[in-house]
N, C-alpha and C. Protein backbone atom coordinates (compact mmCIF):
# COMPACT_ATOMS: atom_id res chain seq x y z
N MET A 1 -30.89 -1.81 -34.51
CA MET A 1 -30.11 -0.92 -33.52
C MET A 1 -28.73 -1.77 -33.09
N SER A 2 -27.70 -0.96 -33.08
CA SER A 2 -26.41 -1.57 -33.04
C SER A 2 -26.15 -2.13 -31.64
N TYR A 3 -25.23 -2.83 -31.23
CA TYR A 3 -24.91 -3.27 -30.13
C TYR A 3 -24.64 -2.05 -29.06
N HIS A 4 -23.75 -1.02 -29.63
CA HIS A 4 -23.37 -0.01 -28.90
C HIS A 4 -24.57 1.06 -28.53
N ALA A 5 -25.43 0.95 -29.51
CA ALA A 5 -26.61 1.88 -29.36
C ALA A 5 -27.59 1.30 -28.53
N ALA A 6 -27.57 -0.06 -28.57
CA ALA A 6 -28.71 -0.76 -27.40
C ALA A 6 -27.93 -0.58 -26.08
N PHE A 7 -26.64 -0.56 -26.07
CA PHE A 7 -26.19 -0.44 -24.54
C PHE A 7 -26.33 0.85 -24.12
N HIS A 8 -26.01 1.93 -24.90
CA HIS A 8 -25.99 3.20 -24.57
C HIS A 8 -27.48 3.52 -24.20
N HIS A 9 -28.59 3.06 -24.93
CA HIS A 9 -29.80 3.17 -24.57
C HIS A 9 -30.21 2.64 -23.26
N LYS A 10 -29.73 1.30 -22.95
CA LYS A 10 -30.02 0.71 -21.63
C LYS A 10 -29.40 1.47 -20.48
N ILE A 11 -28.21 2.12 -20.63
CA ILE A 11 -27.50 2.78 -19.56
C ILE A 11 -28.21 4.07 -19.26
N THR A 12 -28.44 4.95 -20.30
CA THR A 12 -29.05 6.18 -20.10
C THR A 12 -30.54 6.04 -19.75
N SER A 13 -31.34 4.97 -20.11
CA SER A 13 -32.59 5.04 -19.86
C SER A 13 -33.06 4.29 -18.48
N HIS A 14 -31.89 3.66 -18.01
CA HIS A 14 -32.25 2.95 -16.73
C HIS A 14 -32.61 3.89 -15.49
N SER A 15 -33.65 3.49 -14.75
CA SER A 15 -34.10 4.48 -13.73
C SER A 15 -33.45 4.11 -12.43
N GLU A 16 -32.79 2.88 -12.16
CA GLU A 16 -32.23 2.66 -10.89
C GLU A 16 -30.90 3.60 -10.71
N THR A 17 -30.62 3.65 -9.42
CA THR A 17 -29.59 4.53 -9.08
C THR A 17 -28.38 3.65 -8.82
N ARG A 18 -28.46 2.37 -8.83
CA ARG A 18 -27.24 1.50 -8.73
C ARG A 18 -26.85 1.06 -10.21
N PRO A 19 -25.66 0.65 -10.29
CA PRO A 19 -25.00 0.20 -11.56
C PRO A 19 -25.84 -0.97 -12.07
N ILE A 20 -25.91 -1.04 -13.20
CA ILE A 20 -26.69 -2.27 -13.70
C ILE A 20 -25.42 -3.29 -14.39
N ILE A 21 -24.35 -2.89 -14.37
CA ILE A 21 -23.26 -4.02 -14.64
C ILE A 21 -22.35 -4.01 -13.47
N PRO A 22 -21.72 -5.26 -13.45
CA PRO A 22 -20.73 -5.52 -12.24
C PRO A 22 -19.56 -4.58 -12.25
N ILE A 23 -19.29 -4.12 -11.15
CA ILE A 23 -18.19 -3.17 -11.03
C ILE A 23 -16.86 -3.66 -10.23
N VAL A 24 -15.73 -3.41 -10.42
CA VAL A 24 -14.72 -3.87 -9.67
C VAL A 24 -14.08 -2.57 -8.95
N ASP A 25 -14.21 -2.60 -7.59
CA ASP A 25 -13.62 -1.51 -6.81
C ASP A 25 -12.02 -1.69 -6.69
N ALA A 26 -11.26 -0.73 -7.27
CA ALA A 26 -10.04 -0.93 -7.35
C ALA A 26 -9.23 -0.24 -6.28
N HIS A 27 -9.98 0.32 -5.33
CA HIS A 27 -9.14 0.99 -4.13
C HIS A 27 -10.13 0.92 -2.96
N LEU A 28 -9.90 -0.17 -2.09
CA LEU A 28 -10.80 -0.37 -0.96
C LEU A 28 -9.98 -0.73 0.23
N HIS A 29 -10.10 0.21 1.27
CA HIS A 29 -9.28 0.10 2.47
C HIS A 29 -10.17 -0.62 3.46
N PHE A 30 -9.72 -1.72 4.19
CA PHE A 30 -10.41 -2.75 5.05
C PHE A 30 -10.65 -1.89 6.29
N VAL A 31 -9.68 -1.08 6.67
CA VAL A 31 -9.54 -0.51 8.01
C VAL A 31 -9.65 1.11 7.79
N ASP A 32 -9.82 1.69 9.06
CA ASP A 32 -9.70 3.25 8.88
C ASP A 32 -8.40 3.61 9.49
N PHE A 33 -8.09 4.79 9.79
CA PHE A 33 -6.98 5.42 10.38
C PHE A 33 -6.70 5.11 11.74
N ILE A 34 -7.52 4.39 12.47
CA ILE A 34 -7.30 3.86 13.95
C ILE A 34 -7.34 2.18 13.85
N GLN A 35 -7.33 1.89 12.51
CA GLN A 35 -7.27 0.33 12.15
C GLN A 35 -8.56 -0.42 12.76
N ASP A 36 -9.58 0.28 12.47
CA ASP A 36 -10.97 -0.48 12.87
C ASP A 36 -11.53 -0.83 11.64
N SER A 37 -12.51 -1.65 11.76
CA SER A 37 -13.34 -2.03 10.48
C SER A 37 -14.55 -2.60 10.92
N ASP A 38 -15.62 -2.44 10.01
CA ASP A 38 -16.87 -2.95 10.24
C ASP A 38 -16.91 -4.48 10.09
N GLY A 39 -15.80 -5.00 9.53
CA GLY A 39 -15.65 -6.54 9.16
C GLY A 39 -16.10 -6.71 7.74
N MET A 40 -15.71 -8.00 7.50
CA MET A 40 -15.87 -8.69 6.01
C MET A 40 -17.47 -8.66 5.84
N THR A 41 -18.24 -9.18 6.77
CA THR A 41 -19.60 -9.50 6.63
C THR A 41 -20.31 -8.09 6.05
N ARG A 42 -20.20 -7.11 6.65
CA ARG A 42 -20.62 -5.73 6.27
C ARG A 42 -20.16 -5.22 5.18
N LEU A 43 -18.76 -5.54 4.99
CA LEU A 43 -18.27 -5.18 3.80
C LEU A 43 -18.85 -5.80 2.50
N LEU A 44 -19.09 -7.19 2.55
CA LEU A 44 -19.57 -7.91 1.39
C LEU A 44 -21.03 -7.51 1.21
N ALA A 45 -21.73 -7.12 2.26
CA ALA A 45 -23.05 -6.64 2.09
C ALA A 45 -23.09 -5.43 1.41
N ALA A 46 -22.28 -4.46 1.69
CA ALA A 46 -22.28 -3.13 1.05
C ALA A 46 -21.80 -3.27 -0.37
N MET A 47 -20.82 -4.40 -0.69
CA MET A 47 -20.55 -4.53 -2.05
C MET A 47 -21.72 -5.21 -2.95
N ASP A 48 -22.61 -5.94 -2.24
CA ASP A 48 -23.52 -6.49 -2.92
C ASP A 48 -24.72 -5.55 -3.12
N ASP A 49 -24.94 -4.54 -2.08
CA ASP A 49 -25.91 -3.41 -2.49
C ASP A 49 -25.53 -2.54 -3.67
N GLY A 50 -24.19 -2.38 -3.76
CA GLY A 50 -23.65 -1.51 -4.77
C GLY A 50 -23.30 -2.25 -6.02
N ARG A 51 -23.51 -3.65 -6.16
CA ARG A 51 -23.49 -4.41 -7.17
C ARG A 51 -21.90 -4.43 -7.45
N ILE A 52 -21.07 -4.38 -6.50
CA ILE A 52 -19.59 -4.37 -6.84
C ILE A 52 -19.23 -5.95 -6.69
N ALA A 53 -18.92 -6.53 -7.80
CA ALA A 53 -18.65 -7.79 -8.04
C ALA A 53 -17.11 -8.18 -7.28
N LYS A 54 -16.20 -7.33 -7.48
CA LYS A 54 -14.86 -7.65 -6.82
C LYS A 54 -14.06 -6.40 -6.24
N ALA A 55 -13.22 -6.60 -5.48
CA ALA A 55 -12.43 -5.54 -4.97
C ALA A 55 -11.02 -5.72 -4.62
N VAL A 56 -10.18 -4.79 -5.15
CA VAL A 56 -8.96 -4.83 -4.54
C VAL A 56 -8.77 -4.20 -3.13
N VAL A 57 -8.30 -4.98 -2.34
CA VAL A 57 -8.46 -4.52 -0.83
C VAL A 57 -7.09 -4.47 -0.09
N PHE A 58 -6.81 -3.71 0.81
CA PHE A 58 -5.71 -3.52 1.65
C PHE A 58 -6.05 -2.83 2.88
N GLY A 59 -5.24 -2.70 3.77
CA GLY A 59 -5.33 -2.09 5.00
C GLY A 59 -5.11 -0.74 4.80
N LEU A 60 -4.45 0.08 5.68
CA LEU A 60 -4.20 1.33 5.76
C LEU A 60 -2.69 1.49 6.42
N PRO A 61 -1.75 1.83 5.81
CA PRO A 61 -0.37 1.86 6.25
C PRO A 61 -0.11 2.72 7.38
N LEU A 62 -0.95 3.65 7.56
CA LEU A 62 -0.84 4.64 8.68
C LEU A 62 -1.74 4.41 9.70
N LYS A 63 -1.45 4.81 11.05
CA LYS A 63 -2.32 4.86 12.08
C LYS A 63 -2.21 6.11 12.64
N LYS A 64 -3.38 6.75 13.16
CA LYS A 64 -3.54 7.89 13.87
C LYS A 64 -3.28 7.71 15.41
N LYS A 65 -2.33 8.65 15.92
CA LYS A 65 -2.08 8.40 17.29
C LYS A 65 -3.05 9.15 18.16
N TRP A 66 -3.50 8.69 19.15
CA TRP A 66 -4.40 9.13 20.24
C TRP A 66 -3.46 9.76 21.26
N ASP A 67 -3.17 11.09 21.16
CA ASP A 67 -2.44 11.89 22.24
C ASP A 67 -2.98 11.82 23.51
N ALA A 68 -2.18 11.86 24.54
CA ALA A 68 -2.59 11.76 26.01
C ALA A 68 -3.47 13.14 26.43
N PHE A 69 -3.15 14.20 25.76
CA PHE A 69 -4.01 15.35 26.20
C PHE A 69 -5.43 15.54 25.42
N GLU A 70 -5.62 14.56 24.46
CA GLU A 70 -6.84 14.65 23.78
C GLU A 70 -7.94 13.90 24.45
N LYS A 71 -9.22 14.56 24.78
CA LYS A 71 -10.19 13.86 25.41
C LYS A 71 -10.89 12.71 24.80
N ARG A 72 -10.91 13.04 23.31
CA ARG A 72 -11.65 12.06 22.61
C ARG A 72 -10.99 11.28 21.65
N PRO A 73 -11.00 10.19 21.34
CA PRO A 73 -10.10 9.61 20.26
C PRO A 73 -10.37 10.04 18.98
N PRO A 74 -9.31 10.26 18.10
CA PRO A 74 -9.53 10.51 16.69
C PRO A 74 -10.02 9.33 15.88
N HIS A 75 -10.61 9.55 14.94
CA HIS A 75 -10.96 8.68 13.94
C HIS A 75 -10.36 8.78 12.37
N TYR A 76 -10.09 10.06 12.24
CA TYR A 76 -9.63 10.32 10.79
C TYR A 76 -8.41 11.31 11.11
N TYR A 77 -7.38 11.23 10.26
CA TYR A 77 -6.16 11.92 10.46
C TYR A 77 -6.25 13.30 10.67
N LEU A 78 -7.36 14.00 10.18
CA LEU A 78 -7.43 15.46 10.56
C LEU A 78 -8.32 15.94 11.59
N ASP A 79 -8.66 14.77 12.24
CA ASP A 79 -9.51 15.30 13.67
C ASP A 79 -8.82 15.96 14.62
N ASP A 80 -7.43 15.86 14.58
CA ASP A 80 -6.73 16.75 15.60
C ASP A 80 -5.28 16.77 15.05
N ASN A 81 -4.41 17.31 15.90
CA ASN A 81 -2.88 17.61 15.42
C ASN A 81 -1.98 16.57 15.64
N ALA A 82 -2.51 15.47 16.29
CA ALA A 82 -1.73 14.24 16.52
C ALA A 82 -0.97 13.76 15.38
N ARG A 83 0.12 12.96 15.60
CA ARG A 83 0.84 12.42 14.36
C ARG A 83 0.46 11.25 13.94
N CYS A 84 0.80 10.85 12.97
CA CYS A 84 0.38 9.30 12.35
C CYS A 84 1.70 8.52 12.14
N TYR A 85 1.52 7.39 12.32
CA TYR A 85 2.77 6.52 12.18
C TYR A 85 2.54 5.21 11.36
N TYR A 86 3.52 4.74 10.76
CA TYR A 86 3.50 3.51 9.89
C TYR A 86 3.14 2.47 10.74
N PHE A 87 2.25 1.55 10.28
CA PHE A 87 1.50 0.51 11.19
C PHE A 87 1.69 -0.84 10.44
N HIS A 88 2.47 -1.74 10.98
CA HIS A 88 2.76 -3.04 10.32
C HIS A 88 1.68 -3.93 10.40
N GLN A 89 0.96 -3.78 11.47
CA GLN A 89 -0.06 -4.77 11.82
C GLN A 89 -1.40 -4.71 10.86
N THR A 90 -1.41 -3.85 10.12
CA THR A 90 -2.60 -3.45 9.20
C THR A 90 -2.71 -4.68 8.38
N ASP A 91 -1.73 -5.32 7.91
CA ASP A 91 -1.69 -6.59 6.87
C ASP A 91 -2.20 -7.68 7.67
N GLU A 92 -1.88 -8.04 8.92
CA GLU A 92 -2.34 -9.07 9.76
C GLU A 92 -3.80 -8.90 10.03
N ILE A 93 -4.27 -7.63 10.32
CA ILE A 93 -5.79 -7.46 10.43
C ILE A 93 -6.48 -7.94 9.17
N LEU A 94 -6.02 -7.62 8.24
CA LEU A 94 -6.86 -7.90 6.84
C LEU A 94 -6.52 -9.33 6.54
N ALA A 95 -5.46 -10.00 6.81
CA ALA A 95 -5.21 -11.25 6.62
C ALA A 95 -6.13 -12.29 7.43
N ASP A 96 -6.32 -11.96 8.77
CA ASP A 96 -7.18 -12.69 9.60
C ASP A 96 -8.58 -12.52 9.29
N ALA A 97 -8.85 -11.42 8.76
CA ALA A 97 -10.46 -11.37 8.31
C ALA A 97 -10.61 -12.05 6.85
N PHE A 98 -9.62 -11.91 6.22
CA PHE A 98 -9.80 -12.68 4.73
C PHE A 98 -9.67 -14.18 5.04
N LEU A 99 -8.94 -14.63 5.91
CA LEU A 99 -8.90 -16.04 6.12
C LEU A 99 -10.17 -16.66 6.85
N TYR A 100 -11.09 -15.84 7.50
CA TYR A 100 -12.20 -16.16 8.10
C TYR A 100 -13.30 -16.45 7.06
N LEU A 101 -13.04 -15.78 5.89
CA LEU A 101 -14.07 -15.74 4.76
C LEU A 101 -14.23 -17.12 4.23
N PRO A 102 -15.46 -17.63 3.73
CA PRO A 102 -15.54 -18.79 2.80
C PRO A 102 -14.91 -18.69 1.60
N ILE A 103 -14.39 -19.66 0.81
CA ILE A 103 -13.66 -19.66 -0.29
C ILE A 103 -14.52 -18.89 -1.37
N PRO A 104 -15.58 -19.14 -1.51
CA PRO A 104 -16.46 -18.16 -2.62
C PRO A 104 -16.16 -16.69 -2.33
N ALA A 105 -16.35 -16.35 -1.20
CA ALA A 105 -16.27 -14.96 -0.84
C ALA A 105 -14.75 -14.41 -1.22
N ARG A 106 -13.75 -15.27 -0.74
CA ARG A 106 -12.46 -14.74 -0.88
C ARG A 106 -12.08 -14.52 -2.34
N LYS A 107 -12.75 -15.16 -3.29
CA LYS A 107 -12.50 -15.07 -4.70
C LYS A 107 -12.92 -13.64 -5.15
N ARG A 108 -13.61 -13.04 -4.34
CA ARG A 108 -14.17 -11.52 -4.70
C ARG A 108 -13.14 -10.64 -4.43
N PHE A 109 -11.97 -10.89 -3.75
CA PHE A 109 -10.93 -9.93 -3.34
C PHE A 109 -9.59 -10.31 -3.95
N ALA A 110 -8.85 -9.03 -4.14
CA ALA A 110 -7.52 -9.21 -4.60
C ALA A 110 -6.65 -8.45 -3.38
N PRO A 111 -6.41 -9.25 -2.28
CA PRO A 111 -5.73 -8.49 -1.18
C PRO A 111 -4.23 -8.13 -1.42
N LEU A 112 -4.00 -6.81 -1.10
CA LEU A 112 -2.53 -6.34 -1.07
C LEU A 112 -1.88 -5.95 0.14
N VAL A 113 -0.63 -6.20 0.27
CA VAL A 113 0.29 -5.82 1.32
C VAL A 113 0.46 -4.39 1.19
N CYS A 114 0.36 -3.62 2.41
CA CYS A 114 0.61 -2.32 2.42
C CYS A 114 1.30 -1.78 3.78
N GLY A 115 1.48 -2.48 4.77
CA GLY A 115 1.81 -2.28 6.06
C GLY A 115 3.31 -2.25 6.34
N PHE A 116 4.03 -1.32 5.69
CA PHE A 116 5.53 -1.09 5.82
C PHE A 116 5.91 0.37 5.76
N ASN A 117 7.05 0.59 6.28
CA ASN A 117 7.27 2.15 6.38
C ASN A 117 8.24 2.26 4.87
N PRO A 118 7.82 2.97 4.03
CA PRO A 118 8.52 3.15 2.85
C PRO A 118 9.82 3.96 2.83
N THR A 119 10.14 4.47 3.95
CA THR A 119 11.48 5.23 4.20
C THR A 119 12.36 4.37 4.81
N ASP A 120 12.08 2.99 5.12
CA ASP A 120 13.04 2.02 5.90
C ASP A 120 13.44 1.10 4.84
N LYS A 121 14.97 1.09 4.87
CA LYS A 121 15.62 0.16 3.69
C LYS A 121 15.24 -1.38 4.13
N HIS A 122 14.90 -1.55 5.56
CA HIS A 122 14.68 -2.80 5.77
C HIS A 122 13.29 -3.47 5.54
N ALA A 123 12.41 -2.50 4.95
CA ALA A 123 11.06 -2.80 4.80
C ALA A 123 10.84 -3.86 3.78
N VAL A 124 11.57 -4.08 2.95
CA VAL A 124 11.53 -5.29 1.88
C VAL A 124 11.34 -6.58 2.65
N ARG A 125 12.19 -6.78 3.86
CA ARG A 125 12.22 -8.04 4.66
C ARG A 125 10.86 -8.23 5.12
N ASP A 126 10.19 -7.03 5.65
CA ASP A 126 8.90 -7.16 6.27
C ASP A 126 7.85 -7.76 5.36
N VAL A 127 7.94 -7.13 4.08
CA VAL A 127 7.06 -7.51 2.90
C VAL A 127 7.09 -8.91 2.60
N GLU A 128 8.56 -9.30 2.52
CA GLU A 128 8.72 -10.61 2.07
C GLU A 128 8.27 -11.72 3.06
N ARG A 129 8.32 -11.36 4.26
CA ARG A 129 7.85 -12.31 5.39
C ARG A 129 6.34 -12.23 5.38
N MET A 130 5.68 -11.04 5.06
CA MET A 130 4.10 -11.05 4.98
C MET A 130 3.69 -11.85 3.65
N LEU A 131 4.38 -11.77 2.66
CA LEU A 131 4.13 -12.54 1.47
C LEU A 131 4.27 -14.01 1.59
N ASP A 132 5.09 -14.46 2.35
CA ASP A 132 5.59 -15.82 2.42
C ASP A 132 4.68 -16.37 3.47
N LYS A 133 4.29 -15.67 4.55
CA LYS A 133 3.44 -16.25 5.55
C LYS A 133 2.00 -16.29 5.01
N TYR A 134 1.48 -15.49 4.24
CA TYR A 134 0.14 -15.65 3.53
C TYR A 134 0.24 -15.86 2.02
N PRO A 135 0.07 -16.83 1.44
CA PRO A 135 0.34 -16.81 -0.06
C PRO A 135 -0.87 -16.26 -0.90
N PHE A 136 -1.84 -15.90 -0.12
CA PHE A 136 -2.99 -15.18 -1.06
C PHE A 136 -2.78 -13.88 -1.52
N TRP A 137 -1.79 -13.17 -1.01
CA TRP A 137 -1.54 -11.77 -1.29
C TRP A 137 -1.31 -11.69 -2.80
N ARG A 138 -1.85 -10.70 -3.41
CA ARG A 138 -1.76 -10.62 -4.97
C ARG A 138 -0.76 -9.60 -5.34
N GLY A 139 -0.04 -8.81 -4.16
CA GLY A 139 0.94 -7.97 -4.61
C GLY A 139 1.01 -6.81 -3.58
N VAL A 140 1.67 -5.77 -3.82
CA VAL A 140 1.93 -4.73 -2.79
C VAL A 140 1.05 -3.65 -3.21
N GLY A 141 0.20 -3.04 -2.15
CA GLY A 141 -1.03 -1.87 -2.38
C GLY A 141 -0.55 -0.71 -2.18
N GLU A 142 -1.19 0.24 -1.84
CA GLU A 142 -1.16 1.56 -1.70
C GLU A 142 0.22 1.84 -0.80
N ILE A 143 0.93 2.68 -1.41
CA ILE A 143 2.05 3.16 -0.60
C ILE A 143 1.82 4.59 -0.56
N LEU A 144 1.78 5.05 0.72
CA LEU A 144 1.33 6.65 0.73
C LEU A 144 2.78 7.41 0.84
N CYS A 145 2.84 8.15 -0.28
CA CYS A 145 3.93 8.92 -0.49
C CYS A 145 3.37 10.45 -1.00
N ARG A 146 3.52 11.21 -0.22
CA ARG A 146 3.20 12.81 -0.41
C ARG A 146 1.71 12.71 -0.69
N HIS A 147 1.01 12.82 0.50
CA HIS A 147 -0.55 12.94 0.55
C HIS A 147 -1.02 14.07 1.26
N ASP A 148 -1.26 15.21 0.65
CA ASP A 148 -1.82 16.38 1.31
C ASP A 148 -1.39 16.61 2.65
N ASP A 149 -1.99 16.95 3.63
CA ASP A 149 -1.70 17.16 5.10
C ASP A 149 -1.47 16.03 5.81
N LEU A 150 -1.49 14.85 5.21
CA LEU A 150 -1.14 13.53 6.10
C LEU A 150 0.37 13.44 5.87
N THR A 151 0.98 13.99 4.87
CA THR A 151 2.34 14.06 4.54
C THR A 151 3.06 14.75 5.87
N ASN A 152 2.53 15.83 6.19
CA ASN A 152 3.18 16.78 7.49
C ASN A 152 2.91 16.02 8.80
N MET A 153 1.80 15.31 8.75
CA MET A 153 1.45 14.72 10.08
C MET A 153 1.98 13.37 10.45
N THR A 154 2.82 12.85 9.48
CA THR A 154 3.38 11.40 9.67
C THR A 154 4.75 11.68 10.34
N ASN A 155 4.97 10.73 11.15
CA ASN A 155 6.38 10.64 11.93
C ASN A 155 7.37 10.04 10.81
N GLU A 156 8.60 10.24 11.28
CA GLU A 156 9.64 9.82 10.23
C GLU A 156 9.93 10.95 9.09
N GLU A 157 10.93 10.46 8.19
CA GLU A 157 11.09 11.36 7.10
C GLU A 157 9.98 11.27 6.03
N THR A 158 9.89 12.21 5.19
CA THR A 158 8.91 12.19 4.16
C THR A 158 9.23 11.06 3.04
N ALA A 159 8.15 10.21 2.87
CA ALA A 159 8.21 9.36 1.95
C ALA A 159 8.04 9.75 0.57
N ARG A 160 8.83 9.13 -0.48
CA ARG A 160 8.67 9.62 -1.86
C ARG A 160 8.92 8.28 -2.66
N VAL A 161 8.48 8.50 -4.00
CA VAL A 161 8.67 7.31 -4.66
C VAL A 161 10.06 6.85 -5.09
N ASN A 162 11.06 7.87 -5.05
CA ASN A 162 12.39 7.83 -5.45
C ASN A 162 13.15 7.54 -4.09
N HIS A 163 12.68 7.11 -2.87
CA HIS A 163 13.29 6.80 -1.72
C HIS A 163 14.10 5.68 -1.85
N PRO A 164 15.29 5.53 -1.22
CA PRO A 164 15.99 4.17 -1.55
C PRO A 164 15.47 3.07 -0.81
N GLY A 165 14.53 3.35 0.18
CA GLY A 165 13.84 2.33 0.96
C GLY A 165 12.75 1.62 0.00
N LEU A 166 12.40 2.19 -1.04
CA LEU A 166 11.38 1.57 -2.07
C LEU A 166 12.04 0.91 -3.03
N PHE A 167 13.33 1.03 -3.32
CA PHE A 167 14.03 0.47 -4.56
C PHE A 167 13.89 -1.02 -4.55
N ASP A 168 14.16 -1.61 -3.21
CA ASP A 168 14.15 -3.13 -3.07
C ASP A 168 12.72 -3.60 -3.12
N ILE A 169 11.68 -2.89 -2.62
CA ILE A 169 10.43 -3.12 -2.76
C ILE A 169 10.02 -3.33 -4.29
N TYR A 170 10.42 -2.40 -5.11
CA TYR A 170 10.20 -2.34 -6.62
C TYR A 170 10.66 -3.49 -7.31
N GLU A 171 11.99 -3.99 -6.75
CA GLU A 171 12.49 -5.09 -7.31
C GLU A 171 11.82 -6.35 -6.90
N LEU A 172 11.40 -6.53 -5.70
CA LEU A 172 10.68 -7.57 -5.17
C LEU A 172 9.40 -7.68 -6.15
N CYS A 173 8.68 -6.65 -6.24
CA CYS A 173 7.38 -6.68 -6.91
C CYS A 173 7.78 -7.22 -8.57
N ALA A 174 8.77 -6.80 -8.96
CA ALA A 174 9.12 -7.21 -10.56
C ALA A 174 9.56 -8.61 -10.37
N ALA A 175 10.28 -9.07 -9.53
CA ALA A 175 10.57 -10.47 -9.28
C ALA A 175 9.57 -11.32 -9.21
N ARG A 176 8.48 -11.08 -8.40
CA ARG A 176 7.43 -11.74 -8.14
C ARG A 176 6.27 -11.82 -9.44
N LEU A 177 6.44 -10.85 -9.95
CA LEU A 177 5.38 -10.83 -11.29
C LEU A 177 4.14 -11.27 -11.05
N TRP A 178 3.39 -10.81 -10.12
CA TRP A 178 1.97 -11.21 -9.92
C TRP A 178 1.01 -11.39 -11.08
N PHE A 179 1.24 -10.02 -11.87
CA PHE A 179 0.44 -9.91 -13.19
C PHE A 179 0.51 -11.08 -14.19
N LYS A 180 1.60 -11.52 -14.30
CA LYS A 180 1.95 -12.66 -15.19
C LYS A 180 1.20 -13.94 -14.85
N ARG A 181 1.20 -14.11 -13.44
CA ARG A 181 0.80 -15.38 -13.01
C ARG A 181 -0.73 -15.53 -13.10
N ARG A 182 -1.34 -14.48 -12.92
CA ARG A 182 -2.88 -14.32 -12.91
C ARG A 182 -3.54 -14.39 -14.35
N ARG A 183 -2.76 -14.49 -15.53
CA ARG A 183 -3.38 -14.44 -16.74
C ARG A 183 -3.66 -15.86 -17.20
């Protein structure tokens, strides 16, 4: 039996519902739309349960506002009609939790910066400060540009990939070349 056939047989005949090979989660938000989290301990336990070996992790660049007339706090951006706004503190929340982890657990994550307003031409300074403050960052993570109803619920002008506020971010990423340093 060839290696490919043996592997195919193992995958298709396996009775577990969990993966039998390690997985890397390439899109993991540490916080929700109100910047709450269950914490790194629960996250690591969930990763272990799902046999997720490593994860690319970032905060969430937007925070949902709890309007004065709403009796209950929202937890998701579609819970009510309140607006969302860019939230810079999301990177600090992730950094604090990441630094609390023991070194072996940190090696399971590739943390990315995402807490900046992509329509602000000053945003590159905010990103540079965060990258310099915590040298563990692996790059810039999810930038929310044009995301279904969230686009219309976000304060400020509409973010787009060709917004002049992002050009300096792109240049910063190219200058730092994280992917070359990691090889």
